[in-house]
């Protein structure tokens, strides 16, 4: 799952052809990243690294990075030079900012909960 999403993200970010429906020659970069990611995943099985902890921390990092990405997106959706006629306005715009704020508060709550000592 992570290998596929990584291949799509890198391929789309570099504006390369992506997709499992394409032949490997049509999407060389996509399939290269996919193969490298799968290879790294297999190699991880032969190390002392706990794969469950690795998945957990990758999800935490993804969650922490979500709020800044959402902030950038919310700044971009109002720009007509970026969005053209699909500019986000009205209640949907404010709902987007509310979601961004909620995500940021969740990150703050997680950070505070990690800093507060637990009583036994």
N, C-alpha and C. Protein backbone atom coordinates (compact mmCIF):
# COMPACT_ATOMS: atom_id res chain seq x y z
N UNK A 1 0.82 -1.19 0.00
CA UNK A 1 0.00 0.00 0.00
C UNK A 1 0.87 1.25 0.00
N UNK A 2 1.84 1.29 0.91
CA UNK A 2 2.71 2.46 0.98
C UNK A 2 3.57 2.59 -0.27
N UNK A 3 4.00 1.46 -0.83
CA UNK A 3 4.82 1.49 -2.04
C UNK A 3 4.03 2.11 -3.19
N UNK A 4 2.78 1.71 -3.34
CA UNK A 4 1.95 2.26 -4.41
C UNK A 4 1.67 3.74 -4.23
N UNK A 5 1.33 4.14 -3.02
CA UNK A 5 1.04 5.56 -2.80
C UNK A 5 2.29 6.41 -2.97
N UNK A 6 3.45 5.87 -2.58
CA UNK A 6 4.70 6.59 -2.80
C UNK A 6 4.98 6.76 -4.28
N UNK A 7 4.79 5.70 -5.05
CA UNK A 7 5.03 5.76 -6.49
C UNK A 7 4.10 6.78 -7.16
N UNK A 8 2.84 6.78 -6.77
CA UNK A 8 1.90 7.75 -7.33
C UNK A 8 2.30 9.18 -6.94
N UNK A 9 2.63 9.40 -5.66
CA UNK A 9 2.97 10.74 -5.19
C UNK A 9 4.21 11.28 -5.89
N UNK A 10 5.24 10.48 -5.98
CA UNK A 10 6.47 10.95 -6.62
C UNK A 10 6.25 11.13 -8.12
N UNK A 11 5.58 10.19 -8.75
CA UNK A 11 5.32 10.30 -10.18
C UNK A 11 4.50 11.53 -10.54
N UNK A 12 3.43 11.75 -9.79
CA UNK A 12 2.59 12.92 -10.07
C UNK A 12 3.31 14.22 -9.73
N UNK A 13 4.11 14.19 -8.65
CA UNK A 13 4.87 15.38 -8.28
C UNK A 13 5.89 15.77 -9.34
N UNK A 14 6.43 14.78 -10.02
CA UNK A 14 7.42 15.03 -11.07
C UNK A 14 6.78 15.11 -12.45
N UNK A 15 5.45 15.03 -12.48
CA UNK A 15 4.66 15.10 -13.72
C UNK A 15 5.04 14.02 -14.72
N UNK A 16 5.26 12.83 -14.17
CA UNK A 16 5.56 11.66 -15.00
C UNK A 16 4.28 10.85 -15.18
N UNK A 17 4.19 10.06 -16.22
CA UNK A 17 3.02 9.17 -16.37
C UNK A 17 2.98 8.16 -15.22
N UNK A 18 1.81 7.98 -14.62
CA UNK A 18 1.67 7.06 -13.50
C UNK A 18 0.48 6.14 -13.74
N UNK A 19 0.46 5.02 -13.01
CA UNK A 19 -0.70 4.15 -13.04
C UNK A 19 -0.35 2.72 -13.36
N UNK A 20 -1.00 1.82 -12.65
CA UNK A 20 -0.79 0.40 -12.86
C UNK A 20 -1.40 -0.07 -14.18
N UNK A 21 -2.28 0.73 -14.77
CA UNK A 21 -2.88 0.37 -16.05
C UNK A 21 -1.90 0.62 -17.21
N UNK A 22 -0.86 1.39 -16.95
CA UNK A 22 0.13 1.67 -17.99
C UNK A 22 1.16 0.54 -18.06
N UNK A 23 1.74 0.37 -19.20
CA UNK A 23 2.83 -0.58 -19.38
C UNK A 23 4.08 0.00 -18.71
N UNK A 24 4.98 -0.87 -18.23
CA UNK A 24 6.20 -0.36 -17.58
C UNK A 24 7.00 0.61 -18.44
N UNK A 25 7.04 0.42 -19.74
CA UNK A 25 7.78 1.36 -20.60
C UNK A 25 7.10 2.72 -20.69
N UNK A 26 5.78 2.76 -20.47
CA UNK A 26 5.04 4.02 -20.52
C UNK A 26 5.20 4.82 -19.23
N UNK A 27 5.49 4.14 -18.13
CA UNK A 27 5.59 4.80 -16.83
C UNK A 27 6.83 4.28 -16.09
N UNK A 28 7.98 4.49 -16.71
CA UNK A 28 9.23 3.96 -16.19
C UNK A 28 9.53 4.48 -14.78
N UNK A 29 9.38 5.77 -14.57
CA UNK A 29 9.67 6.34 -13.24
C UNK A 29 8.72 5.78 -12.19
N UNK A 30 7.44 5.67 -12.52
CA UNK A 30 6.44 5.14 -11.60
C UNK A 30 6.80 3.72 -11.17
N UNK A 31 7.07 2.86 -12.14
CA UNK A 31 7.40 1.47 -11.81
C UNK A 31 8.75 1.35 -11.11
N UNK A 32 9.69 2.24 -11.41
CA UNK A 32 10.98 2.23 -10.72
C UNK A 32 10.81 2.55 -9.25
N UNK A 33 10.03 3.58 -8.95
CA UNK A 33 9.78 3.95 -7.55
C UNK A 33 9.00 2.83 -6.86
N UNK A 34 8.05 2.24 -7.55
CA UNK A 34 7.27 1.14 -6.97
C UNK A 34 8.19 -0.04 -6.63
N UNK A 35 9.06 -0.41 -7.56
CA UNK A 35 9.97 -1.53 -7.32
C UNK A 35 10.95 -1.21 -6.19
N UNK A 36 11.48 0.00 -6.17
CA UNK A 36 12.41 0.40 -5.11
C UNK A 36 11.71 0.38 -3.74
N UNK A 37 10.48 0.87 -3.69
CA UNK A 37 9.73 0.89 -2.43
C UNK A 37 9.43 -0.53 -1.94
N UNK A 38 9.04 -1.40 -2.85
CA UNK A 38 8.79 -2.80 -2.47
C UNK A 38 10.08 -3.45 -2.00
N UNK A 39 11.18 -3.19 -2.71
CA UNK A 39 12.47 -3.73 -2.31
C UNK A 39 12.90 -3.28 -0.93
N UNK A 40 12.69 -1.99 -0.64
CA UNK A 40 13.01 -1.48 0.70
C UNK A 40 12.12 -2.11 1.76
N UNK A 41 10.86 -2.32 1.42
CA UNK A 41 9.94 -2.98 2.36
C UNK A 41 10.35 -4.40 2.66
N UNK A 42 10.78 -5.13 1.64
CA UNK A 42 11.25 -6.50 1.83
C UNK A 42 12.53 -6.49 2.66
N UNK A 43 13.45 -5.59 2.34
CA UNK A 43 14.71 -5.50 3.09
C UNK A 43 14.46 -5.17 4.55
N UNK A 44 13.43 -4.38 4.82
CA UNK A 44 13.10 -4.01 6.20
C UNK A 44 12.77 -5.24 7.04
N UNK A 45 12.26 -6.27 6.42
CA UNK A 45 11.94 -7.51 7.15
C UNK A 45 13.18 -8.21 7.70
N UNK A 46 14.33 -7.91 7.13
CA UNK A 46 15.57 -8.56 7.56
C UNK A 46 16.39 -7.69 8.51
N UNK A 47 15.78 -6.64 9.02
CA UNK A 47 16.44 -5.76 9.99
C UNK A 47 15.73 -5.90 11.33
N UNK A 48 16.36 -5.41 12.40
CA UNK A 48 15.70 -5.48 13.70
C UNK A 48 14.61 -4.41 13.89
N UNK A 49 14.36 -3.60 12.88
CA UNK A 49 13.35 -2.54 12.98
C UNK A 49 11.96 -3.17 13.04
N UNK A 50 11.16 -2.74 14.01
CA UNK A 50 9.80 -3.25 14.16
C UNK A 50 8.89 -2.62 13.09
N UNK A 51 8.31 -3.41 12.19
CA UNK A 51 7.50 -2.83 11.11
C UNK A 51 6.23 -2.15 11.61
N UNK A 52 5.67 -2.61 12.70
CA UNK A 52 4.46 -1.97 13.23
C UNK A 52 4.78 -0.59 13.77
N UNK A 53 5.89 -0.48 14.49
CA UNK A 53 6.30 0.85 14.98
C UNK A 53 6.62 1.78 13.81
N UNK A 54 7.23 1.22 12.77
CA UNK A 54 7.54 2.03 11.59
C UNK A 54 6.27 2.55 10.94
N UNK A 55 5.26 1.70 10.79
CA UNK A 55 3.98 2.14 10.23
C UNK A 55 3.31 3.18 11.12
N UNK A 56 3.38 2.96 12.43
CA UNK A 56 2.80 3.91 13.38
C UNK A 56 3.44 5.29 13.21
N UNK A 57 4.78 5.33 13.23
CA UNK A 57 5.46 6.62 13.15
C UNK A 57 5.31 7.28 11.79
N UNK A 58 5.18 6.48 10.74
CA UNK A 58 4.94 7.09 9.43
C UNK A 58 3.55 7.74 9.40
N UNK A 59 2.58 7.13 10.09
CA UNK A 59 1.24 7.73 10.18
C UNK A 59 1.27 9.00 11.01
N UNK A 60 2.06 9.00 12.09
CA UNK A 60 2.18 10.20 12.92
C UNK A 60 2.80 11.35 12.11
N UNK A 61 3.87 11.05 11.39
CA UNK A 61 4.52 12.08 10.56
C UNK A 61 3.55 12.59 9.50
N UNK A 62 2.81 11.69 8.88
CA UNK A 62 1.81 12.09 7.88
C UNK A 62 0.77 13.01 8.49
N UNK A 63 0.31 12.69 9.70
CA UNK A 63 -0.68 13.53 10.36
C UNK A 63 -0.14 14.90 10.73
N UNK A 64 1.11 14.95 11.18
CA UNK A 64 1.72 16.23 11.56
C UNK A 64 1.91 17.10 10.32
N UNK A 65 2.26 16.50 9.20
CA UNK A 65 2.47 17.27 7.98
C UNK A 65 1.16 17.69 7.31
N UNK A 66 0.06 17.07 7.71
CA UNK A 66 -1.23 17.37 7.07
C UNK A 66 -1.67 18.81 7.28
N UNK A 67 -1.53 19.34 8.48
CA UNK A 67 -2.00 20.71 8.75
C UNK A 67 -1.26 21.76 7.91
N UNK A 68 0.07 21.72 7.82
CA UNK A 68 0.74 22.70 6.94
C UNK A 68 0.33 22.54 5.47
N UNK A 69 0.16 21.32 5.02
CA UNK A 69 -0.26 21.10 3.63
C UNK A 69 -1.67 21.66 3.43
N UNK A 70 -2.56 21.41 4.39
CA UNK A 70 -3.92 21.94 4.30
C UNK A 70 -3.91 23.46 4.29
N UNK A 71 -3.02 24.07 5.07
CA UNK A 71 -2.92 25.53 5.11
C UNK A 71 -2.52 26.07 3.74
N UNK A 72 -1.52 25.47 3.12
CA UNK A 72 -1.10 25.90 1.78
C UNK A 72 -2.24 25.73 0.78
N UNK A 73 -2.93 24.60 0.86
CA UNK A 73 -4.06 24.38 -0.05
C UNK A 73 -5.16 25.43 0.15
N UNK A 74 -5.43 25.76 1.40
CA UNK A 74 -6.48 26.75 1.66
C UNK A 74 -6.07 28.12 1.14
N UNK A 75 -4.79 28.42 1.16
CA UNK A 75 -4.33 29.69 0.59
C UNK A 75 -4.43 29.68 -0.93
N UNK A 76 -4.23 28.52 -1.53
CA UNK A 76 -4.27 28.43 -2.98
C UNK A 76 -5.68 28.39 -3.56
N UNK A 77 -6.65 27.84 -2.84
CA UNK A 77 -7.99 27.66 -3.42
C UNK A 77 -8.73 28.97 -3.64
N UNK A 78 -8.28 30.07 -3.05
CA UNK A 78 -8.90 31.37 -3.26
C UNK A 78 -8.27 32.15 -4.41
N UNK A 79 -7.16 31.64 -4.93
CA UNK A 79 -6.44 32.37 -5.97
C UNK A 79 -6.97 31.99 -7.35
N UNK A 80 -7.52 32.98 -8.02
CA UNK A 80 -8.10 32.75 -9.34
C UNK A 80 -7.01 32.38 -10.36
N UNK A 81 -5.79 32.89 -10.19
CA UNK A 81 -4.72 32.55 -11.13
C UNK A 81 -4.30 31.09 -11.00
N UNK A 82 -4.60 30.47 -9.87
CA UNK A 82 -4.28 29.06 -9.66
C UNK A 82 -5.49 28.18 -9.99
N UNK A 83 -6.67 28.58 -9.51
CA UNK A 83 -7.87 27.74 -9.61
C UNK A 83 -8.75 28.03 -10.82
N UNK A 84 -8.52 29.17 -11.48
CA UNK A 84 -9.38 29.52 -12.62
C UNK A 84 -10.81 29.76 -12.15
N UNK A 85 -11.76 29.14 -12.84
CA UNK A 85 -13.16 29.33 -12.47
C UNK A 85 -13.59 28.44 -11.30
N UNK A 86 -12.69 27.62 -10.78
CA UNK A 86 -13.02 26.70 -9.69
C UNK A 86 -12.60 27.23 -8.32
N UNK A 87 -12.53 28.53 -8.18
CA UNK A 87 -12.16 29.14 -6.90
C UNK A 87 -13.18 28.73 -5.84
N UNK A 88 -12.67 28.36 -4.67
CA UNK A 88 -13.54 27.93 -3.57
C UNK A 88 -13.99 29.17 -2.81
N UNK A 89 -15.30 29.28 -2.59
CA UNK A 89 -15.87 30.46 -1.92
C UNK A 89 -16.93 30.02 -0.92
N UNK A 90 -17.38 30.97 -0.14
CA UNK A 90 -18.51 30.77 0.75
C UNK A 90 -18.25 29.78 1.87
N UNK A 91 -19.32 29.04 2.23
CA UNK A 91 -19.26 28.14 3.39
C UNK A 91 -18.23 27.03 3.20
N UNK A 92 -18.00 26.60 1.98
CA UNK A 92 -17.03 25.53 1.73
C UNK A 92 -15.61 26.00 2.06
N UNK A 93 -15.33 27.27 1.75
CA UNK A 93 -14.02 27.85 2.09
C UNK A 93 -13.83 27.87 3.60
N UNK A 94 -14.83 28.31 4.32
CA UNK A 94 -14.71 28.39 5.78
C UNK A 94 -14.71 27.01 6.42
N UNK A 95 -15.40 26.06 5.82
CA UNK A 95 -15.35 24.68 6.30
C UNK A 95 -13.94 24.11 6.12
N UNK A 96 -13.29 24.47 5.04
CA UNK A 96 -11.91 24.06 4.82
C UNK A 96 -10.98 24.61 5.89
N UNK A 97 -11.16 25.88 6.24
CA UNK A 97 -10.33 26.46 7.30
C UNK A 97 -10.67 25.84 8.66
N UNK A 98 -11.94 25.53 8.90
CA UNK A 98 -12.31 24.87 10.16
C UNK A 98 -11.65 23.49 10.25
N UNK A 99 -11.62 22.77 9.14
CA UNK A 99 -10.96 21.46 9.12
C UNK A 99 -9.46 21.59 9.34
N UNK A 100 -8.88 22.61 8.76
CA UNK A 100 -7.44 22.86 8.95
C UNK A 100 -7.16 23.19 10.41
N UNK A 101 -8.00 24.02 11.01
CA UNK A 101 -7.83 24.37 12.43
C UNK A 101 -8.01 23.14 13.31
N UNK A 102 -9.00 22.31 13.00
CA UNK A 102 -9.23 21.08 13.77
C UNK A 102 -8.02 20.16 13.69
N UNK A 103 -7.45 20.05 12.51
CA UNK A 103 -6.26 19.21 12.34
C UNK A 103 -5.10 19.77 13.14
N UNK A 104 -4.91 21.08 13.10
CA UNK A 104 -3.84 21.71 13.87
C UNK A 104 -4.05 21.48 15.37
N UNK A 105 -5.28 21.59 15.84
CA UNK A 105 -5.56 21.35 17.26
C UNK A 105 -5.30 19.90 17.65
N UNK A 106 -5.59 18.99 16.75
CA UNK A 106 -5.28 17.57 17.01
C UNK A 106 -3.78 17.35 17.15
N UNK A 107 -3.02 18.04 16.33
CA UNK A 107 -1.55 17.92 16.41
C UNK A 107 -1.06 18.49 17.73
N UNK A 108 -1.61 19.63 18.13
CA UNK A 108 -1.23 20.23 19.42
C UNK A 108 -1.61 19.29 20.55
N UNK A 109 -2.81 18.73 20.49
CA UNK A 109 -3.25 17.79 21.53
C UNK A 109 -2.36 16.56 21.60
N UNK A 110 -1.95 16.05 20.46
CA UNK A 110 -1.06 14.90 20.45
C UNK A 110 0.28 15.25 21.07
N UNK A 111 0.81 16.42 20.72
CA UNK A 111 2.11 16.84 21.26
C UNK A 111 2.03 17.03 22.77
N UNK A 112 0.95 17.65 23.24
CA UNK A 112 0.80 17.85 24.68
C UNK A 112 0.66 16.50 25.39
N UNK A 113 -0.09 15.59 24.82
CA UNK A 113 -0.27 14.29 25.47
C UNK A 113 1.02 13.49 25.52
N UNK A 114 1.93 13.75 24.57
CA UNK A 114 3.21 13.06 24.58
C UNK A 114 4.16 13.66 25.61
N UNK A 115 3.95 14.93 25.95
CA UNK A 115 4.83 15.61 26.89
C UNK A 115 4.41 15.44 28.33
N UNK A 116 3.11 15.24 28.56
CA UNK A 116 2.59 15.10 29.92
C UNK A 116 2.95 13.73 30.45
N UNK A 117 3.60 13.69 31.64
CA UNK A 117 3.95 12.37 32.21
C UNK A 117 2.70 11.58 32.60
N UNK A 118 2.77 10.28 32.39
CA UNK A 118 1.64 9.42 32.72
C UNK A 118 1.79 8.93 34.15
N UNK A 119 0.67 8.90 34.88
CA UNK A 119 0.70 8.36 36.23
C UNK A 119 0.32 6.88 36.17
N UNK A 120 0.92 6.09 37.04
CA UNK A 120 0.62 4.66 36.97
C UNK A 120 -0.26 4.19 38.09
